[in-house]
Amino acid sequence: MLRVLVVDDDRDLADSLAQLLRLWGLDGCAAYGSLGALALLASFRPQVAVLDLSLPFIDGPHLAQALRAWPEPPGRLVALTGLGENEMPPGGRLLFDSLLRKPADPDELRALLEGYARELGG
């Protein structure tokens, strides 16, 4: 079962998305910001992380860098944002495997995660 960490400072969005992932048979877990995500890494060990880009304290691109440097990093990072690609910090797009616009299209998200599950053996 693919383990997916959803990181957003909007608690309702993070919880709703994690619940949707569980309905799809995935192991979805919500973190309410970058600090919460870092606190969950060792115990949850996500295979995929879906990150809001506009997080307080540590923004999505910087959190992506921290996740990539983690001893057991997620295999895939997905940016979930209301920002346009041209509004992303320089080099930010290169940190992510995929970019989805808010609100995420459920069919697009599901297809993306199903592909990652096949690639990552989840």
Protein backbone atom coordinates (compact mmCIF):
# COMPACT_ATOMS: atom_id res chain seq x y z
CA MET A 1 0.00 0.00 0.00
CA LEU A 2 1.48 3.31 -1.11
CA ARG A 3 2.22 5.68 1.81
CA VAL A 4 1.37 9.28 0.87
CA LEU A 5 2.05 12.29 3.10
CA VAL A 6 -0.14 15.32 2.38
CA VAL A 7 1.35 18.60 3.67
CA ASP A 8 -0.79 21.73 3.75
CA ASP A 9 -1.38 24.44 6.34
CA ASP A 10 -5.09 24.30 5.44
CA ARG A 11 -6.16 21.53 7.84
CA ASP A 12 -9.45 20.87 6.06
CA LEU A 13 -7.72 20.42 2.71
CA ALA A 14 -4.99 18.18 4.16
CA ASP A 15 -7.48 16.04 6.07
CA SER A 16 -9.88 15.78 3.11
CA LEU A 17 -7.14 14.78 0.72
CA ALA A 18 -5.69 12.20 3.14
CA GLN A 19 -9.19 10.75 3.63
CA LEU A 20 -9.70 10.55 -0.14
CA LEU A 21 -6.40 8.67 -0.46
CA ARG A 22 -7.54 6.19 2.20
CA LEU A 23 -10.81 5.68 0.30
CA TRP A 24 -8.69 4.78 -2.72
CA GLY A 25 -6.88 2.13 -0.66
CA LEU A 26 -3.72 4.15 -0.09
CA ASP A 27 -2.13 4.97 3.25
CA GLY A 28 -2.79 8.71 3.43
CA CYS A 29 -1.49 10.86 6.28
CA ALA A 30 -1.96 14.61 6.78
CA ALA A 31 0.56 17.08 8.19
CA TYR A 32 -0.50 20.66 8.84
CA GLY A 33 2.63 22.40 7.69
CA SER A 34 6.32 21.83 7.16
CA LEU A 35 7.18 21.34 10.83
CA GLY A 36 4.46 18.71 11.19
CA ALA A 37 5.74 16.95 8.08
CA LEU A 38 9.28 16.80 9.43
CA ALA A 39 7.97 15.41 12.72
CA LEU A 40 6.16 12.58 10.88
CA LEU A 41 8.95 11.50 8.55
CA ALA A 42 10.65 8.90 10.73
CA SER A 43 7.46 7.20 11.87
CA PHE A 44 5.40 7.35 8.65
CA ARG A 45 8.19 6.98 6.06
CA PRO A 46 6.17 8.25 3.06
CA GLN A 47 6.85 6.96 -0.42
CA VAL A 48 5.19 10.05 -1.91
CA ALA A 49 4.80 13.52 -0.43
CA VAL A 50 2.23 16.01 -1.75
CA LEU A 51 3.36 19.48 -0.68
CA ASP A 52 1.67 22.83 -0.73
CA LEU A 53 4.20 25.39 -1.94
CA SER A 54 3.04 28.28 0.23
CA LEU A 55 3.70 26.88 3.69
CA PRO A 56 4.62 29.05 6.68
CA PHE A 57 8.04 28.70 8.36
CA ILE A 58 9.55 26.42 5.71
CA ASP A 59 7.98 26.82 2.27
CA GLY A 60 7.29 23.91 -0.06
CA PRO A 61 10.49 24.16 -2.13
CA HIS A 62 12.67 24.29 0.98
CA LEU A 63 10.72 21.43 2.54
CA ALA A 64 11.26 19.45 -0.69
CA GLN A 65 15.01 20.02 -0.31
CA ALA A 66 14.88 18.78 3.28
CA LEU A 67 12.87 15.70 2.26
CA ARG A 68 15.30 14.88 -0.56
CA ALA A 69 18.17 15.06 1.97
CA TRP A 70 16.41 12.78 4.48
CA PRO A 71 18.10 9.37 4.96
CA GLU A 72 14.99 7.58 3.59
CA PRO A 73 13.48 10.23 1.31
CA PRO A 74 10.09 9.87 -0.36
CA GLY A 75 10.48 8.38 -3.81
CA ARG A 76 8.34 11.09 -5.39
CA LEU A 77 7.47 14.69 -4.50
CA VAL A 78 4.35 16.38 -5.84
CA ALA A 79 3.80 20.13 -5.66
CA LEU A 80 0.18 21.08 -5.01
CA THR A 81 -0.30 24.78 -5.47
CA GLY A 82 -2.45 27.66 -6.49
CA LEU A 83 0.67 29.43 -7.78
CA GLY A 84 1.50 29.49 -11.45
CA GLU A 85 4.66 27.71 -12.55
CA ASN A 86 6.21 31.11 -13.35
CA GLU A 87 5.56 32.20 -9.72
CA MET A 88 7.61 29.33 -8.31
CA PRO A 89 11.01 30.26 -6.85
CA PRO A 90 13.94 29.79 -9.24
CA GLY A 91 14.86 26.11 -9.42
CA GLY A 92 11.77 25.18 -7.40
CA ARG A 93 10.14 23.20 -10.20
CA LEU A 94 13.22 20.98 -10.45
CA LEU A 95 12.67 19.78 -6.86
CA PHE A 96 9.35 18.12 -7.71
CA ASP A 97 8.44 15.13 -9.84
CA SER A 98 4.97 16.53 -10.58
CA LEU A 99 3.04 19.76 -10.26
CA LEU A 100 -0.72 19.85 -9.64
CA ARG A 101 -2.87 22.95 -9.45
CA LYS A 102 -5.30 23.54 -6.58
CA PRO A 103 -7.93 22.36 -6.43
CA ALA A 104 -6.43 19.07 -7.58
CA ASP A 105 -8.46 17.11 -10.09
CA PRO A 106 -9.18 13.79 -8.30
CA ASP A 107 -8.86 11.74 -11.49
CA GLU A 108 -5.51 13.33 -12.34
CA LEU A 109 -4.23 12.82 -8.79
CA ARG A 110 -5.38 9.21 -8.69
CA ALA A 111 -3.76 8.39 -12.04
CA LEU A 112 -0.53 10.04 -10.90
CA LEU A 113 -0.46 8.10 -7.63
CA GLU A 114 -1.34 4.82 -9.33
CA GLY A 115 1.63 5.35 -11.64
CA TYR A 116 3.90 6.09 -8.70
CA ALA A 117 2.61 2.98 -6.88
CA ARG A 118 3.62 0.85 -9.87
CA GLU A 119 7.06 2.51 -10.06
CA LEU A 120 7.75 2.41 -6.33
CA GLY A 121 6.22 -0.96 -5.58
CA GLY A 122 3.55 0.44 -3.28
